[in-house]
Amino acid sequence: MITKPHRQELLCRAYVHAIAAQAGLLCSRPDPDYGIDLSLRNVEVRGRRHLDTSVQVDLQLRSTARASVTETEIKLDLDVETYNYLRTPETFCPRVLIALVMPAKEAEWVNQCPDELAIRHCAYWLSLHGFAETSARSSIRIGIPLTSVFSVEAVHTIMQRLQERKMP
């Protein structure tokens, strides 16, 4: 059996793939991975053809069963190296953090019955573009608003902003 962190990573990938599929986006995985776990690209219909628009957002995925959930946000620790990588404004392609918050009990991560297959609980997204430098050496606690659910609607909004040459 693969490790627990690898199972968490694969479930987060599955979550993102499902949202991307429902949103009608291309989802690809860089191989090898140098900091970007997945990329989403927009497709539009021109006449009878579906064409890649080259509008892209890169994703850094995290899965955790140890996030702190308040009434307004999810708080989780992010290693400083990743924080700095995601916040750097000198990037050609925008980067977004996707955090899948999972139940503490591994047996509750996935629920399956004849009517559905569900990954529990929810994934949230955050653009750290332009966030301030940190004096922390190993990790930094970040907050993601509960309103930032990684959903089909959120992905459409992100891609629309990128088409308008705005940050997510």
N, C-alpha and C. Protein backbone atom coordinates (compact mmCIF):
# COMPACT_ATOMS: atom_id res chain seq x y z
N MET A 1 0.85 -1.19 0.00
CA MET A 1 0.00 0.00 0.00
C MET A 1 0.89 1.24 0.00
N ILE A 2 0.50 2.25 -0.79
CA ILE A 2 1.27 3.49 -0.83
C ILE A 2 1.09 4.25 0.50
N THR A 3 1.94 5.23 0.71
CA THR A 3 1.93 5.96 1.98
C THR A 3 0.67 6.82 2.12
N LYS A 4 0.37 7.18 3.35
CA LYS A 4 -0.78 8.04 3.64
C LYS A 4 -0.67 9.39 2.91
N PRO A 5 0.51 10.07 2.96
CA PRO A 5 0.62 11.34 2.22
C PRO A 5 0.40 11.17 0.72
N HIS A 6 0.85 10.06 0.14
CA HIS A 6 0.61 9.85 -1.29
C HIS A 6 -0.86 9.62 -1.58
N ARG A 7 -1.57 8.92 -0.69
CA ARG A 7 -3.01 8.73 -0.88
C ARG A 7 -3.73 10.07 -0.79
N GLN A 8 -3.32 10.92 0.15
CA GLN A 8 -3.92 12.26 0.27
C GLN A 8 -3.67 13.06 -1.01
N GLU A 9 -2.45 13.01 -1.54
CA GLU A 9 -2.11 13.74 -2.76
C GLU A 9 -2.96 13.25 -3.93
N LEU A 10 -3.11 11.95 -4.06
CA LEU A 10 -3.90 11.41 -5.17
C LEU A 10 -5.37 11.79 -5.07
N LEU A 11 -5.91 11.84 -3.85
CA LEU A 11 -7.30 12.27 -3.69
C LEU A 11 -7.46 13.74 -4.04
N CYS A 12 -6.47 14.56 -3.70
CA CYS A 12 -6.52 15.99 -4.07
C CYS A 12 -6.47 16.13 -5.59
N ARG A 13 -5.62 15.37 -6.25
CA ARG A 13 -5.56 15.39 -7.71
C ARG A 13 -6.91 14.98 -8.32
N ALA A 14 -7.50 13.92 -7.75
CA ALA A 14 -8.80 13.45 -8.25
C ALA A 14 -9.85 14.54 -8.10
N TYR A 15 -9.84 15.24 -6.98
CA TYR A 15 -10.77 16.34 -6.73
C TYR A 15 -10.62 17.41 -7.81
N VAL A 16 -9.38 17.83 -8.04
CA VAL A 16 -9.13 18.88 -9.04
C VAL A 16 -9.51 18.40 -10.44
N HIS A 17 -9.17 17.17 -10.77
CA HIS A 17 -9.54 16.63 -12.09
C HIS A 17 -11.05 16.63 -12.27
N ALA A 18 -11.79 16.27 -11.23
CA ALA A 18 -13.26 16.24 -11.33
C ALA A 18 -13.82 17.64 -11.57
N ILE A 19 -13.32 18.61 -10.83
CA ILE A 19 -13.79 20.00 -11.00
C ILE A 19 -13.42 20.50 -12.40
N ALA A 20 -12.18 20.24 -12.83
CA ALA A 20 -11.74 20.69 -14.16
C ALA A 20 -12.58 20.05 -15.26
N ALA A 21 -12.89 18.77 -15.12
CA ALA A 21 -13.70 18.09 -16.13
C ALA A 21 -15.09 18.70 -16.21
N GLN A 22 -15.69 18.94 -15.05
CA GLN A 22 -17.04 19.53 -15.04
C GLN A 22 -17.01 20.96 -15.59
N ALA A 23 -15.90 21.67 -15.37
CA ALA A 23 -15.76 23.05 -15.86
C ALA A 23 -15.39 23.11 -17.34
N GLY A 24 -15.04 21.97 -17.93
CA GLY A 24 -14.68 21.94 -19.35
C GLY A 24 -13.28 22.44 -19.63
N LEU A 25 -12.37 22.24 -18.67
CA LEU A 25 -10.99 22.70 -18.82
C LEU A 25 -10.04 21.53 -19.05
N LEU A 26 -8.93 21.82 -19.69
CA LEU A 26 -7.86 20.84 -19.79
C LEU A 26 -7.12 20.81 -18.47
N CYS A 27 -6.73 19.64 -18.04
CA CYS A 27 -5.97 19.47 -16.80
C CYS A 27 -4.76 18.61 -17.13
N SER A 28 -3.58 19.14 -16.85
CA SER A 28 -2.37 18.38 -17.17
C SER A 28 -1.42 18.38 -15.99
N ARG A 29 -0.53 17.40 -16.02
CA ARG A 29 0.44 17.22 -14.93
C ARG A 29 1.85 17.32 -15.50
N PRO A 30 2.64 18.28 -15.02
CA PRO A 30 4.03 18.34 -15.48
C PRO A 30 4.78 17.08 -15.02
N ASP A 31 5.61 16.58 -15.89
CA ASP A 31 6.38 15.39 -15.54
C ASP A 31 7.79 15.57 -16.06
N PRO A 32 8.75 15.75 -15.19
CA PRO A 32 8.68 15.70 -13.73
C PRO A 32 8.11 16.99 -13.14
N ASP A 33 7.80 16.93 -11.86
CA ASP A 33 7.18 18.03 -11.11
C ASP A 33 8.28 18.86 -10.45
N TYR A 34 8.35 20.15 -10.82
CA TYR A 34 9.30 21.08 -10.20
C TYR A 34 8.57 22.21 -9.50
N GLY A 35 7.56 21.87 -8.72
CA GLY A 35 6.85 22.87 -7.94
C GLY A 35 5.41 23.06 -8.36
N ILE A 36 5.07 22.64 -9.56
CA ILE A 36 3.68 22.74 -10.04
C ILE A 36 3.14 21.33 -10.13
N ASP A 37 2.00 21.09 -9.46
CA ASP A 37 1.41 19.76 -9.45
C ASP A 37 0.49 19.52 -10.65
N LEU A 38 -0.31 20.53 -10.98
CA LEU A 38 -1.23 20.43 -12.11
C LEU A 38 -1.36 21.80 -12.76
N SER A 39 -1.77 21.80 -14.01
CA SER A 39 -2.07 23.05 -14.72
C SER A 39 -3.45 22.93 -15.34
N LEU A 40 -4.20 24.03 -15.31
CA LEU A 40 -5.51 24.09 -15.95
C LEU A 40 -5.41 25.05 -17.13
N ARG A 41 -6.01 24.66 -18.25
CA ARG A 41 -6.00 25.49 -19.46
C ARG A 41 -7.41 25.62 -19.99
N ASN A 42 -7.71 26.80 -20.49
CA ASN A 42 -9.03 27.11 -21.02
C ASN A 42 -9.17 26.63 -22.46
N VAL A 43 -10.37 26.19 -22.80
CA VAL A 43 -10.70 25.77 -24.16
C VAL A 43 -11.93 26.56 -24.58
N GLU A 44 -11.93 27.04 -25.82
CA GLU A 44 -13.12 27.72 -26.32
C GLU A 44 -13.53 27.15 -27.66
N VAL A 45 -14.78 27.36 -27.99
CA VAL A 45 -15.31 26.87 -29.26
C VAL A 45 -15.25 28.00 -30.27
N ARG A 46 -14.62 27.71 -31.41
CA ARG A 46 -14.56 28.66 -32.53
C ARG A 46 -15.08 27.92 -33.75
N GLY A 47 -16.28 28.31 -34.16
CA GLY A 47 -16.92 27.58 -35.26
C GLY A 47 -17.25 26.18 -34.79
N ARG A 48 -16.70 25.21 -35.49
CA ARG A 48 -16.93 23.80 -35.10
C ARG A 48 -15.77 23.20 -34.33
N ARG A 49 -14.78 24.02 -34.03
CA ARG A 49 -13.57 23.51 -33.38
C ARG A 49 -13.49 23.93 -31.93
N HIS A 50 -12.93 23.07 -31.13
CA HIS A 50 -12.57 23.38 -29.75
C HIS A 50 -11.07 23.65 -29.74
N LEU A 51 -10.67 24.83 -29.27
CA LEU A 51 -9.27 25.23 -29.33
C LEU A 51 -8.75 25.65 -27.96
N ASP A 52 -7.52 25.27 -27.71
CA ASP A 52 -6.80 25.67 -26.50
C ASP A 52 -6.49 27.16 -26.62
N THR A 53 -6.92 27.96 -25.65
CA THR A 53 -6.72 29.41 -25.70
C THR A 53 -5.38 29.85 -25.14
N SER A 54 -4.63 28.94 -24.56
CA SER A 54 -3.34 29.22 -23.91
C SER A 54 -3.51 29.99 -22.61
N VAL A 55 -4.73 30.19 -22.14
CA VAL A 55 -4.95 30.79 -20.83
C VAL A 55 -4.77 29.67 -19.81
N GLN A 56 -3.80 29.87 -18.90
CA GLN A 56 -3.40 28.79 -18.00
C GLN A 56 -3.19 29.28 -16.59
N VAL A 57 -3.51 28.43 -15.63
CA VAL A 57 -3.17 28.66 -14.23
C VAL A 57 -2.48 27.40 -13.72
N ASP A 58 -1.39 27.60 -12.99
CA ASP A 58 -0.65 26.48 -12.41
C ASP A 58 -1.09 26.29 -10.96
N LEU A 59 -1.15 25.03 -10.54
CA LEU A 59 -1.66 24.70 -9.22
C LEU A 59 -0.63 23.98 -8.37
N GLN A 60 -0.54 24.38 -7.13
CA GLN A 60 0.23 23.68 -6.11
C GLN A 60 -0.81 23.05 -5.19
N LEU A 61 -0.79 21.74 -5.05
CA LEU A 61 -1.80 21.02 -4.28
C LEU A 61 -1.31 20.68 -2.88
N ARG A 62 -2.23 20.78 -1.93
CA ARG A 62 -1.98 20.37 -0.55
C ARG A 62 -3.20 19.63 -0.05
N SER A 63 -2.98 18.61 0.74
CA SER A 63 -4.07 17.89 1.41
C SER A 63 -3.73 17.83 2.88
N THR A 64 -4.73 18.07 3.71
CA THR A 64 -4.47 18.04 5.14
C THR A 64 -5.71 17.61 5.92
N ALA A 65 -5.45 16.89 6.97
CA ALA A 65 -6.50 16.55 7.93
C ALA A 65 -6.26 17.33 9.22
N ARG A 66 -5.28 18.24 9.19
CA ARG A 66 -4.91 19.00 10.38
C ARG A 66 -5.15 20.49 10.27
N ALA A 67 -5.93 20.93 9.30
CA ALA A 67 -6.21 22.36 9.17
C ALA A 67 -7.11 22.81 10.31
N SER A 68 -6.93 24.03 10.69
CA SER A 68 -7.78 24.64 11.70
C SER A 68 -8.90 25.39 10.98
N VAL A 69 -10.14 25.04 11.30
CA VAL A 69 -11.28 25.65 10.63
C VAL A 69 -11.97 26.60 11.61
N THR A 70 -12.06 27.88 11.22
CA THR A 70 -12.77 28.87 12.03
C THR A 70 -14.10 29.18 11.34
N GLU A 71 -14.81 30.16 11.83
CA GLU A 71 -16.08 30.54 11.20
C GLU A 71 -15.88 31.20 9.85
N THR A 72 -14.67 31.73 9.59
CA THR A 72 -14.45 32.48 8.35
C THR A 72 -13.36 31.93 7.45
N GLU A 73 -12.47 31.09 7.99
CA GLU A 73 -11.35 30.64 7.17
C GLU A 73 -10.79 29.29 7.59
N ILE A 74 -10.01 28.76 6.69
CA ILE A 74 -9.22 27.55 6.93
C ILE A 74 -7.81 28.04 7.19
N LYS A 75 -7.21 27.61 8.28
CA LYS A 75 -5.83 27.99 8.56
C LYS A 75 -4.97 26.74 8.47
N LEU A 76 -3.88 26.87 7.70
CA LEU A 76 -2.97 25.74 7.57
C LEU A 76 -1.55 26.24 7.46
N ASP A 77 -0.62 25.37 7.79
CA ASP A 77 0.79 25.71 7.73
C ASP A 77 1.34 25.33 6.37
N LEU A 78 2.12 26.23 5.81
CA LEU A 78 2.74 26.04 4.51
C LEU A 78 4.24 26.25 4.69
N ASP A 79 5.05 25.37 4.12
CA ASP A 79 6.49 25.56 4.26
C ASP A 79 6.89 26.85 3.55
N VAL A 80 7.88 27.53 4.11
CA VAL A 80 8.29 28.85 3.62
C VAL A 80 8.75 28.80 2.17
N GLU A 81 9.44 27.73 1.79
CA GLU A 81 9.90 27.60 0.41
C GLU A 81 8.72 27.64 -0.58
N THR A 82 7.68 26.89 -0.27
CA THR A 82 6.48 26.86 -1.12
C THR A 82 5.77 28.20 -1.08
N TYR A 83 5.65 28.79 0.11
CA TYR A 83 5.03 30.11 0.26
C TYR A 83 5.72 31.12 -0.65
N ASN A 84 7.04 31.17 -0.59
CA ASN A 84 7.79 32.13 -1.41
C ASN A 84 7.64 31.83 -2.90
N TYR A 85 7.60 30.57 -3.27
CA TYR A 85 7.43 30.18 -4.66
C TYR A 85 6.07 30.65 -5.18
N LEU A 86 5.02 30.50 -4.38
CA LEU A 86 3.67 30.86 -4.81
C LEU A 86 3.41 32.36 -4.78
N ARG A 87 4.11 33.10 -3.92
CA ARG A 87 3.83 34.53 -3.79
C ARG A 87 4.65 35.39 -4.74
N THR A 88 5.68 34.82 -5.34
CA THR A 88 6.57 35.57 -6.21
C THR A 88 5.81 36.23 -7.36
N PRO A 89 5.89 37.56 -7.46
CA PRO A 89 5.16 38.26 -8.53
C PRO A 89 5.82 38.12 -9.90
N GLU A 90 7.09 37.71 -9.96
CA GLU A 90 7.80 37.61 -11.24
C GLU A 90 7.54 36.26 -11.91
N THR A 91 6.28 35.99 -12.21
CA THR A 91 5.96 34.74 -12.90
C THR A 91 5.17 35.05 -14.16
N PHE A 92 5.40 34.25 -15.16
CA PHE A 92 4.67 34.41 -16.42
C PHE A 92 3.26 33.83 -16.28
N CYS A 93 3.17 32.72 -15.58
CA CYS A 93 1.89 32.03 -15.42
C CYS A 93 1.46 32.11 -13.95
N PRO A 94 0.24 32.55 -13.69
CA PRO A 94 -0.23 32.65 -12.30
C PRO A 94 -0.23 31.29 -11.61
N ARG A 95 0.03 31.34 -10.30
CA ARG A 95 0.07 30.12 -9.48
C ARG A 95 -0.98 30.25 -8.38
N VAL A 96 -1.65 29.14 -8.12
CA VAL A 96 -2.69 29.11 -7.10
C VAL A 96 -2.47 27.90 -6.20
N LEU A 97 -2.71 28.10 -4.92
CA LEU A 97 -2.66 27.01 -3.95
C LEU A 97 -4.06 26.40 -3.86
N ILE A 98 -4.13 25.07 -3.93
CA ILE A 98 -5.37 24.33 -3.70
C ILE A 98 -5.14 23.48 -2.46
N ALA A 99 -6.00 23.66 -1.46
CA ALA A 99 -5.87 22.91 -0.21
C ALA A 99 -7.11 22.07 0.01
N LEU A 100 -6.94 20.76 -0.01
CA LEU A 100 -8.04 19.84 0.27
C LEU A 100 -8.04 19.55 1.76
N VAL A 101 -9.11 19.94 2.43
CA VAL A 101 -9.26 19.68 3.87
C VAL A 101 -10.04 18.38 4.00
N MET A 102 -9.41 17.43 4.68
CA MET A 102 -9.96 16.08 4.77
C MET A 102 -10.33 15.75 6.21
N PRO A 103 -11.23 14.79 6.42
CA PRO A 103 -11.55 14.36 7.78
C PRO A 103 -10.31 13.78 8.47
N ALA A 104 -10.28 13.86 9.78
CA ALA A 104 -9.16 13.32 10.55
C ALA A 104 -9.06 11.81 10.39
N LYS A 105 -10.20 11.14 10.32
CA LYS A 105 -10.21 9.68 10.19
C LYS A 105 -10.09 9.29 8.72
N GLU A 106 -9.07 8.54 8.40
CA GLU A 106 -8.81 8.15 7.01
C GLU A 106 -9.98 7.38 6.39
N ALA A 107 -10.69 6.60 7.18
CA ALA A 107 -11.83 5.83 6.67
C ALA A 107 -12.95 6.74 6.16
N GLU A 108 -12.94 8.01 6.54
CA GLU A 108 -13.98 8.96 6.12
C GLU A 108 -13.57 9.82 4.93
N TRP A 109 -12.38 9.63 4.38
CA TRP A 109 -11.91 10.46 3.28
C TRP A 109 -12.78 10.32 2.04
N VAL A 110 -13.22 9.10 1.77
CA VAL A 110 -14.03 8.83 0.58
C VAL A 110 -15.29 8.11 1.02
N ASN A 111 -16.40 8.53 0.45
CA ASN A 111 -17.69 7.88 0.72
C ASN A 111 -18.24 7.38 -0.60
N GLN A 112 -18.57 6.11 -0.64
CA GLN A 112 -19.08 5.52 -1.87
C GLN A 112 -20.36 4.76 -1.59
N CYS A 113 -21.34 4.97 -2.46
CA CYS A 113 -22.59 4.22 -2.43
C CYS A 113 -23.07 4.14 -3.88
N PRO A 114 -24.15 3.40 -4.15
CA PRO A 114 -24.61 3.29 -5.54
C PRO A 114 -24.95 4.63 -6.20
N ASP A 115 -25.29 5.64 -5.40
CA ASP A 115 -25.68 6.93 -5.97
C ASP A 115 -24.54 7.92 -6.15
N GLU A 116 -23.41 7.71 -5.45
CA GLU A 116 -22.35 8.71 -5.54
C GLU A 116 -21.01 8.17 -5.07
N LEU A 117 -19.98 8.87 -5.51
CA LEU A 117 -18.63 8.70 -5.01
C LEU A 117 -18.21 10.09 -4.55
N ALA A 118 -17.93 10.25 -3.28
CA ALA A 118 -17.65 11.58 -2.73
C ALA A 118 -16.30 11.60 -2.03
N ILE A 119 -15.52 12.64 -2.34
CA ILE A 119 -14.30 12.92 -1.60
C ILE A 119 -14.68 13.92 -0.54
N ARG A 120 -14.39 13.62 0.71
CA ARG A 120 -14.81 14.47 1.81
C ARG A 120 -13.62 15.26 2.33
N HIS A 121 -13.67 16.39 2.72
CA HIS A 121 -14.64 17.43 2.90
C HIS A 121 -14.64 18.37 1.69
N CYS A 122 -13.68 19.31 1.64
CA CYS A 122 -13.76 20.33 0.60
C CYS A 122 -12.37 20.86 0.29
N ALA A 123 -12.19 21.34 -0.94
CA ALA A 123 -10.94 21.99 -1.33
C ALA A 123 -11.19 23.49 -1.47
N TYR A 124 -10.17 24.26 -1.11
CA TYR A 124 -10.22 25.72 -1.16
C TYR A 124 -9.03 26.20 -1.97
N TRP A 125 -9.14 27.42 -2.51
CA TRP A 125 -8.06 27.96 -3.33
C TRP A 125 -7.65 29.33 -2.82
N LEU A 126 -6.39 29.66 -3.10
CA LEU A 126 -5.86 30.96 -2.71
C LEU A 126 -4.71 31.33 -3.63
N SER A 127 -4.76 32.55 -4.14
CA SER A 127 -3.63 33.11 -4.86
C SER A 127 -2.77 33.87 -3.86
N LEU A 128 -1.52 33.51 -3.76
CA LEU A 128 -0.60 34.19 -2.85
C LEU A 128 0.21 35.26 -3.59
N HIS A 129 -0.16 35.53 -4.83
CA HIS A 129 0.54 36.52 -5.64
C HIS A 129 0.63 37.85 -4.88
N GLY A 130 1.84 38.34 -4.71
CA GLY A 130 2.03 39.62 -4.06
C GLY A 130 1.97 39.59 -2.54
N PHE A 131 1.80 38.42 -1.91
CA PHE A 131 1.83 38.36 -0.45
C PHE A 131 3.20 38.82 0.04
N ALA A 132 3.24 39.31 1.25
CA ALA A 132 4.46 39.87 1.83
C ALA A 132 5.51 38.79 2.11
N GLU A 133 6.76 39.22 2.12
CA GLU A 133 7.84 38.33 2.54
C GLU A 133 7.61 37.93 3.98
N THR A 134 8.21 36.84 4.38
CA THR A 134 8.08 36.38 5.76
C THR A 134 9.45 36.21 6.39
N SER A 135 9.52 36.43 7.69
CA SER A 135 10.78 36.19 8.41
C SER A 135 10.81 34.77 8.97
N ALA A 136 9.72 34.05 8.79
CA ALA A 136 9.68 32.66 9.26
C ALA A 136 10.73 31.84 8.51
N ARG A 137 11.25 30.83 9.18
CA ARG A 137 12.31 30.04 8.58
C ARG A 137 11.83 28.70 8.02
N SER A 138 10.84 28.10 8.66
CA SER A 138 10.43 26.78 8.19
C SER A 138 8.99 26.74 7.67
N SER A 139 8.04 27.34 8.41
CA SER A 139 6.66 27.32 7.95
C SER A 139 5.95 28.61 8.34
N ILE A 140 4.86 28.86 7.64
CA ILE A 140 4.05 30.04 7.89
C ILE A 140 2.59 29.62 7.87
N ARG A 141 1.81 30.18 8.79
CA ARG A 141 0.38 29.88 8.84
C ARG A 141 -0.34 30.85 7.92
N ILE A 142 -1.13 30.28 7.01
CA ILE A 142 -1.92 31.10 6.10
C ILE A 142 -3.40 30.83 6.32
N GLY A 143 -4.22 31.78 5.95
CA GLY A 143 -5.65 31.63 6.06
C GLY A 143 -6.30 31.68 4.68
N ILE A 144 -7.21 30.77 4.43
CA ILE A 144 -7.96 30.75 3.18
C ILE A 144 -9.42 30.96 3.53
N PRO A 145 -10.05 31.99 2.98
CA PRO A 145 -11.46 32.24 3.30
C PRO A 145 -12.35 31.05 2.95
N LEU A 146 -13.31 30.78 3.81
CA LEU A 146 -14.26 29.68 3.55
C LEU A 146 -15.06 29.93 2.27
N THR A 147 -15.11 31.17 1.84
CA THR A 147 -15.83 31.50 0.60
C THR A 147 -15.03 31.11 -0.65
N SER A 148 -13.77 30.73 -0.48
CA SER A 148 -12.91 30.38 -1.62
C SER A 148 -12.93 28.88 -1.91
N VAL A 149 -14.11 28.33 -2.01
CA VAL A 149 -14.26 26.91 -2.34
C VAL A 149 -13.75 26.69 -3.76
N PHE A 150 -12.96 25.65 -3.96
CA PHE A 150 -12.50 25.31 -5.31
C PHE A 150 -13.64 24.57 -6.00
N SER A 151 -14.37 25.30 -6.81
CA SER A 151 -15.58 24.80 -7.45
C SER A 151 -15.54 25.11 -8.94
N VAL A 152 -16.51 24.59 -9.67
CA VAL A 152 -16.63 24.90 -11.10
C VAL A 152 -16.77 26.40 -11.29
N GLU A 153 -17.61 27.03 -10.48
CA GLU A 153 -17.82 28.48 -10.60
C GLU A 153 -16.53 29.24 -10.31
N ALA A 154 -15.80 28.81 -9.29
CA ALA A 154 -14.54 29.48 -8.94
C ALA A 154 -13.53 29.36 -10.09
N VAL A 155 -13.43 28.18 -10.67
CA VAL A 155 -12.50 27.97 -11.78
C VAL A 155 -12.88 28.84 -12.97
N HIS A 156 -14.18 28.93 -13.26
CA HIS A 156 -14.61 29.79 -14.37
C HIS A 156 -14.25 31.25 -14.10
N THR A 157 -14.42 31.69 -12.86
CA THR A 157 -14.06 33.07 -12.49
C THR A 157 -12.56 33.29 -12.62
N ILE A 158 -11.76 32.35 -12.14
CA ILE A 158 -10.30 32.45 -12.25
C ILE A 158 -9.90 32.56 -13.71
N MET A 159 -10.42 31.69 -14.55
CA MET A 159 -10.03 31.69 -15.96
C MET A 159 -10.51 32.96 -16.67
N GLN A 160 -11.68 33.47 -16.31
CA GLN A 160 -12.17 34.72 -16.89
C GLN A 160 -11.25 35.87 -16.52
N ARG A 161 -10.83 35.92 -15.27
CA ARG A 161 -9.91 36.99 -14.84
C ARG A 161 -8.59 36.89 -15.62
N LEU A 162 -8.11 35.68 -15.81
CA LEU A 162 -6.85 35.51 -16.54
C LEU A 162 -7.00 35.93 -18.00
N GLN A 163 -8.16 35.64 -18.61
CA GLN A 163 -8.40 36.08 -19.99
C GLN A 163 -8.39 37.60 -20.08
N GLU A 164 -8.80 38.26 -18.99
CA GLU A 164 -8.79 39.72 -18.95
C GLU A 164 -7.44 40.26 -18.51
N ARG A 165 -6.45 39.37 -18.42
CA ARG A 165 -5.09 39.71 -18.01
C ARG A 165 -5.01 40.26 -16.59
N LYS A 166 -5.87 39.71 -15.72
CA LYS A 166 -5.88 40.06 -14.30
C LYS A 166 -5.43 38.84 -13.51
N MET A 167 -4.98 39.06 -12.30
CA MET A 167 -4.59 37.95 -11.44
C MET A 167 -5.85 37.31 -10.85
N PRO A 168 -5.75 36.01 -10.53
CA PRO A 168 -6.94 35.33 -9.96
C PRO A 168 -7.38 35.95 -8.63
